[in-house]
Amino acid sequence: MGDTNQLKVEKEIVVVTDQEISKHLKPTNGLPMRKWKVSIFAKDDMGEHGPLNYVERVEYTLHPTFEPPERVVRKPPFTLSEKGWGEFDMKITLSFTDKSIAPFTFFHDLNFKKSHYEVPHKLTFTDPKPTFQLLLFHEKSDESYSSMPKPNKKKSKSSLNASIKRQKNDTSGSPSYESGNSSRSPCSTSESTNDKENYKVDYQKLARNLYALDEDDILEVIQIVNDHRSDDMYINEDTEGEFHIDLYTLGDELLRILWDFTESKLDQISLI
């Protein structure tokens, strides 16, 4: 008999195909050349599309006539664009941010019957880790997912791209910590203890702070994160020139360090 206490999380994804005849390419084998693209999204209960935050990479295996037939895309919505004249079944493999979960492989019918069509697929995860659950239940917005381009020393200035948008009224699982000497204060406060105020992490403000740092400070943030990283944290450096972190997985201590560091740096900037 199976374990009835196992947690099973079902998620729906949708493969979206768009295609059109290319007027600038000559027909092949008597058939018009077409431009097509395939993208993959999460799909919520309302039918809305969102980013697949829990997927790390997608591998497409095309018809052997494509060179090369294997393509890997690492950034949502994992869009693959190509051109050709024939229809075929492509193999698609999703690899997840949690390496302990086996990749999910399925076949997608690339056809030219419609200019736009969507094909849903069901995914089932059994007893996912808490950190992975955070990503599974926040597909509508990548609120805690910060993307920090690694600074290029050849450039005089580097930027940081952070997207933090938590669902309204959802404050569960928010770590708290005592504020340091920073003159800036988070938005949400709790009862004071021992004459010190305890603050809940303002993820949106922390993301904005990270975005506002200069090149040298970004390098220091990356070093801080790497010095404190653990297996429970989602940290992705696979994409060249970018450093991705999920703030919700970092833990109280690292969040406090990042908060104090960014607040201190921005205070210094404001005084100049």
Protein backbone atom coordinates (compact mmCIF):
# COMPACT_ATOMS: atom_id res chain seq x y z
CA MET A 1 0.00 0.00 0.00
CA GLY A 2 1.14 3.52 -0.78
CA ASP A 3 1.91 6.22 1.76
CA THR A 4 -1.30 8.22 2.17
CA ASN A 5 0.60 10.94 4.03
CA GLN A 6 2.66 11.92 1.00
CA LEU A 7 2.20 15.47 -0.20
CA LYS A 8 1.40 15.61 -3.90
CA VAL A 9 1.49 18.97 -5.67
CA GLU A 10 -0.01 19.16 -9.14
CA LYS A 11 0.92 22.01 -11.45
CA GLU A 12 -0.20 22.76 -14.98
CA ILE A 13 2.08 24.05 -17.68
CA VAL A 14 1.17 25.15 -21.19
CA VAL A 15 3.23 24.96 -24.36
CA VAL A 16 2.40 27.91 -26.60
CA THR A 17 3.17 27.80 -30.33
CA ASP A 18 3.05 30.75 -32.72
CA GLN A 19 3.82 30.41 -36.42
CA GLU A 20 3.44 32.34 -39.66
CA ILE A 21 4.55 32.13 -43.28
CA SER A 22 7.75 34.04 -43.96
CA LYS A 23 7.40 36.26 -47.00
CA HIS A 24 11.15 36.80 -47.19
CA LEU A 25 12.18 33.13 -47.45
CA LYS A 26 11.90 31.03 -50.58
CA PRO A 27 9.63 27.92 -50.51
CA THR A 28 11.31 24.55 -50.01
CA ASN A 29 10.04 21.29 -51.53
CA GLY A 30 7.07 23.25 -52.81
CA LEU A 31 6.08 24.34 -49.29
CA PRO A 32 6.29 27.84 -47.83
CA MET A 33 8.93 28.56 -45.23
CA ARG A 34 7.53 29.47 -41.84
CA LYS A 35 8.79 31.27 -38.78
CA TRP A 36 7.75 29.59 -35.55
CA LYS A 37 8.41 29.85 -31.84
CA VAL A 38 7.58 27.70 -28.84
CA SER A 39 7.30 29.02 -25.27
CA ILE A 40 6.43 27.30 -22.00
CA PHE A 41 4.49 28.90 -19.15
CA ALA A 42 2.96 28.00 -15.82
CA LYS A 43 -0.83 28.09 -15.85
CA ASP A 44 -2.82 28.98 -12.73
CA ASP A 45 -6.40 28.09 -11.76
CA MET A 46 -7.69 31.20 -13.54
CA GLY A 47 -6.02 30.18 -16.79
CA GLU A 48 -3.43 32.95 -16.63
CA HIS A 49 0.14 32.40 -17.76
CA GLY A 50 3.12 32.97 -15.49
CA PRO A 51 6.85 32.22 -15.37
CA LEU A 52 8.07 28.70 -14.60
CA ASN A 53 10.22 29.74 -11.65
CA TYR A 54 10.78 26.14 -10.61
CA VAL A 55 12.25 25.08 -13.98
CA GLU A 56 15.98 25.66 -14.40
CA ARG A 57 16.35 24.77 -18.08
CA VAL A 58 14.45 23.38 -21.05
CA GLU A 59 16.03 21.15 -23.68
CA TYR A 60 14.38 20.93 -27.09
CA THR A 61 15.21 18.07 -29.46
CA LEU A 62 14.21 19.05 -33.00
CA HIS A 63 14.00 17.13 -36.27
CA PRO A 64 17.44 15.79 -37.32
CA THR A 65 17.47 18.19 -40.29
CA PHE A 66 18.00 21.09 -37.87
CA GLU A 67 21.62 21.89 -37.07
CA PRO A 68 22.14 21.29 -34.24
CA PRO A 69 18.93 19.43 -33.30
CA GLU A 70 19.48 19.85 -29.55
CA ARG A 71 18.77 23.29 -28.10
CA VAL A 72 18.92 24.40 -24.45
CA VAL A 73 17.09 27.48 -23.11
CA ARG A 74 17.65 28.62 -19.52
CA LYS A 75 15.45 31.69 -19.09
CA PRO A 76 11.62 31.85 -18.74
CA PRO A 77 9.47 31.62 -20.78
CA PHE A 78 12.02 29.29 -22.40
CA THR A 79 11.25 30.50 -25.91
CA LEU A 80 12.77 28.72 -28.90
CA SER A 81 12.47 30.47 -32.28
CA GLU A 82 13.25 28.82 -35.60
CA LYS A 83 12.18 28.62 -39.22
CA GLY A 84 11.38 25.68 -41.48
CA TRP A 85 8.85 24.16 -43.84
CA GLY A 86 7.91 20.85 -42.19
CA GLU A 87 5.85 19.67 -39.23
CA PHE A 88 7.31 17.24 -36.68
CA ASP A 89 7.14 16.03 -33.07
CA MET A 90 9.78 17.67 -30.90
CA LYS A 91 10.98 16.21 -27.63
CA ILE A 92 10.95 18.65 -24.70
CA THR A 93 12.70 17.99 -21.39
CA LEU A 94 12.21 20.18 -18.31
CA SER A 95 14.97 20.16 -15.68
CA PHE A 96 14.01 21.56 -12.29
CA THR A 97 15.82 23.82 -9.83
CA ASP A 98 15.75 20.96 -7.32
CA LYS A 99 18.27 18.53 -8.77
CA SER A 100 16.78 15.62 -6.79
CA ILE A 101 13.65 15.75 -8.99
CA ALA A 102 13.92 13.74 -12.19
CA PRO A 103 13.53 15.72 -15.43
CA PHE A 104 10.12 15.64 -17.11
CA THR A 105 10.08 14.68 -20.80
CA PHE A 106 7.20 14.89 -23.24
CA PHE A 107 6.59 15.35 -26.98
CA HIS A 108 5.09 18.42 -28.63
CA ASP A 109 3.35 18.37 -32.00
CA LEU A 110 4.68 21.27 -34.05
CA ASN A 111 2.09 21.80 -36.77
CA PHE A 112 0.91 24.61 -39.00
CA LYS A 113 -2.86 24.16 -38.72
CA LYS A 114 -3.24 27.32 -36.61
CA SER A 115 -1.16 30.46 -36.25
CA HIS A 116 -1.45 30.17 -32.47
CA TYR A 117 -2.25 27.16 -30.30
CA GLU A 118 -1.70 26.05 -26.71
CA VAL A 119 -1.21 22.54 -25.33
CA PRO A 120 -1.47 21.91 -21.55
CA HIS A 121 0.47 19.32 -19.57
CA LYS A 122 0.16 18.18 -15.95
CA LEU A 123 3.10 17.86 -13.57
CA THR A 124 2.94 16.04 -10.23
CA PHE A 125 5.54 16.54 -7.50
CA THR A 126 5.63 14.16 -4.53
CA ASP A 127 6.84 15.51 -1.19
CA PRO A 128 8.67 18.53 -2.67
CA LYS A 129 11.22 20.24 -0.44
CA PRO A 130 10.02 23.41 1.35
CA THR A 131 12.32 25.62 -0.72
CA PHE A 132 10.99 24.08 -3.92
CA GLN A 133 7.39 24.54 -2.74
CA LEU A 134 8.04 28.27 -2.51
CA LEU A 135 8.73 28.33 -6.24
CA LEU A 136 5.82 26.02 -7.07
CA PHE A 137 3.29 28.27 -5.38
CA HIS A 138 4.57 31.58 -6.74
CA GLU A 139 4.42 31.07 -10.48
CA LYS A 140 2.34 34.21 -11.07
CA SER A 141 5.21 36.46 -10.15
CA ASP A 142 8.89 35.89 -9.52
CA GLU A 143 8.72 38.15 -6.49
CA SER A 144 11.59 36.62 -4.55
CA TYR A 145 13.72 35.85 -7.56
CA SER A 146 16.52 38.34 -8.00
CA SER A 147 18.67 38.39 -11.10
CA MET A 148 22.00 40.11 -10.64
CA PRO A 149 24.14 40.47 -13.76
CA LYS A 150 27.73 39.81 -12.79
CA PRO A 151 29.71 43.02 -13.13
CA ASN A 152 31.93 43.29 -16.17
CA LYS A 153 35.20 44.93 -15.19
CA LYS A 154 35.49 46.35 -18.69
CA LYS A 155 32.45 48.48 -18.01
CA SER A 156 32.38 51.46 -15.68
CA LYS A 157 28.92 50.69 -14.35
CA SER A 158 26.91 47.51 -13.83
CA SER A 159 23.18 47.19 -13.23
CA LEU A 160 21.16 44.78 -11.10
CA ASN A 161 17.77 43.48 -12.18
CA ALA A 162 15.54 42.46 -9.27
CA SER A 163 11.87 41.52 -9.47
CA ILE A 164 10.07 41.21 -6.11
CA LYS A 165 6.25 41.16 -6.01
CA ARG A 166 4.69 39.05 -3.28
CA GLN A 167 1.00 38.14 -3.43
CA LYS A 168 -1.13 40.63 -1.54
CA ASN A 169 -1.75 39.91 2.15
CA ASP A 170 0.61 36.91 2.04
CA THR A 171 3.07 37.34 4.90
CA SER A 172 3.46 33.70 5.87
CA GLY A 173 6.99 32.46 6.22
CA SER A 174 8.49 35.94 6.47
CA PRO A 175 11.65 35.77 8.61
CA SER A 176 12.18 38.48 11.20
CA TYR A 177 15.29 39.92 12.77
CA GLU A 178 16.40 42.78 14.98
CA SER A 179 17.38 45.90 13.14
CA GLY A 180 20.98 47.03 13.16
CA ASN A 181 22.32 50.56 13.16
CA SER A 182 20.78 51.47 9.82
CA SER A 183 18.79 54.68 9.83
CA ARG A 184 16.42 53.22 7.24
CA SER A 185 13.52 51.10 8.51
CA PRO A 186 11.54 48.29 6.86
CA CYS A 187 7.85 48.77 6.23
CA SER A 188 6.50 46.03 8.52
CA THR A 189 7.29 46.04 12.24
CA SER A 190 6.32 43.80 15.13
CA GLU A 191 6.32 44.27 18.91
CA SER A 192 9.51 45.64 20.41
CA THR A 193 11.72 43.44 22.59
CA ASN A 194 14.44 44.62 25.00
CA ASP A 195 14.07 48.18 23.71
CA LYS A 196 14.87 47.02 20.16
CA GLU A 197 12.35 46.78 17.35
CA ASN A 198 11.98 43.50 15.48
CA TYR A 199 11.47 43.98 11.76
CA LYS A 200 10.07 41.60 9.20
CA VAL A 201 12.05 41.44 6.02
CA ASP A 202 10.72 43.79 3.36
CA TYR A 203 11.59 41.66 0.34
CA GLN A 204 10.53 44.27 -2.18
CA LYS A 205 12.68 46.95 -0.57
CA LEU A 206 15.64 44.60 -0.27
CA ALA A 207 15.35 43.83 -3.98
CA ARG A 208 15.26 47.55 -4.79
CA ASN A 209 18.31 48.08 -2.60
CA LEU A 210 20.20 45.34 -4.44
CA TYR A 211 19.20 46.87 -7.76
CA ALA A 212 20.58 50.26 -6.69
CA LEU A 213 24.07 49.02 -5.78
CA ASP A 214 27.08 49.90 -7.90
CA GLU A 215 29.43 47.44 -9.56
CA ASP A 216 31.86 46.90 -6.69
CA ASP A 217 29.04 46.48 -4.18
CA ILE A 218 27.35 43.84 -6.39
CA LEU A 219 30.58 41.88 -6.39
CA GLU A 220 30.63 42.08 -2.61
CA VAL A 221 27.01 40.89 -2.40
CA ILE A 222 27.86 37.87 -4.57
CA GLN A 223 30.79 37.10 -2.27
CA ILE A 224 28.60 37.44 0.85
CA VAL A 225 25.98 35.09 -0.59
CA ASN A 226 28.57 32.52 -1.62
CA ASP A 227 30.20 32.69 1.84
CA HIS A 228 26.87 31.88 3.51
CA ARG A 229 25.26 29.59 0.93
CA SER A 230 23.75 26.24 1.89
CA ASP A 231 21.96 23.43 0.07
CA ASP A 232 18.56 24.86 1.04
CA MET A 233 19.21 28.10 -0.84
CA TYR A 234 18.30 28.64 -4.48
CA ILE A 235 21.38 30.18 -6.10
CA ASN A 236 21.95 29.85 -9.85
CA GLU A 237 25.14 30.90 -11.62
CA ASP A 238 24.67 28.75 -14.74
CA THR A 239 23.79 31.67 -17.01
CA GLU A 240 26.94 33.46 -18.09
CA GLY A 241 27.17 36.98 -16.68
CA GLU A 242 24.21 36.58 -14.31
CA PHE A 243 23.76 35.61 -10.65
CA HIS A 244 20.28 34.47 -9.60
CA ILE A 245 19.03 34.13 -6.03
CA ASP A 246 15.65 33.40 -4.47
CA LEU A 247 15.42 35.71 -1.45
CA TYR A 248 12.82 33.53 0.27
CA THR A 249 15.31 30.66 0.50
CA LEU A 250 18.25 32.56 1.99
CA GLY A 251 17.41 32.29 5.70
CA ASP A 252 17.29 34.88 8.49
CA GLU A 253 21.02 35.38 8.99
CA LEU A 254 21.91 36.00 5.36
CA LEU A 255 18.84 38.20 4.83
CA ARG A 256 19.86 40.32 7.83
CA ILE A 257 23.41 40.65 6.50
CA LEU A 258 22.19 41.67 3.05
CA TRP A 259 19.70 44.12 4.54
CA ASP A 260 22.30 45.81 6.75
CA PHE A 261 24.85 45.84 3.93
CA THR A 262 22.54 47.42 1.34
CA GLU A 263 21.08 49.92 3.80
CA SER A 264 24.58 50.99 4.87
CA LYS A 265 25.77 51.37 1.28
CA LEU A 266 22.72 53.38 0.22
CA ASP A 267 23.01 55.59 3.31
CA GLN A 268 26.57 56.40 2.25
CA ILE A 269 25.37 57.28 -1.24
CA SER A 270 22.65 59.56 0.13
CA LEU A 271 25.27 61.48 2.14
CA ILE A 272 27.47 62.21 -0.86
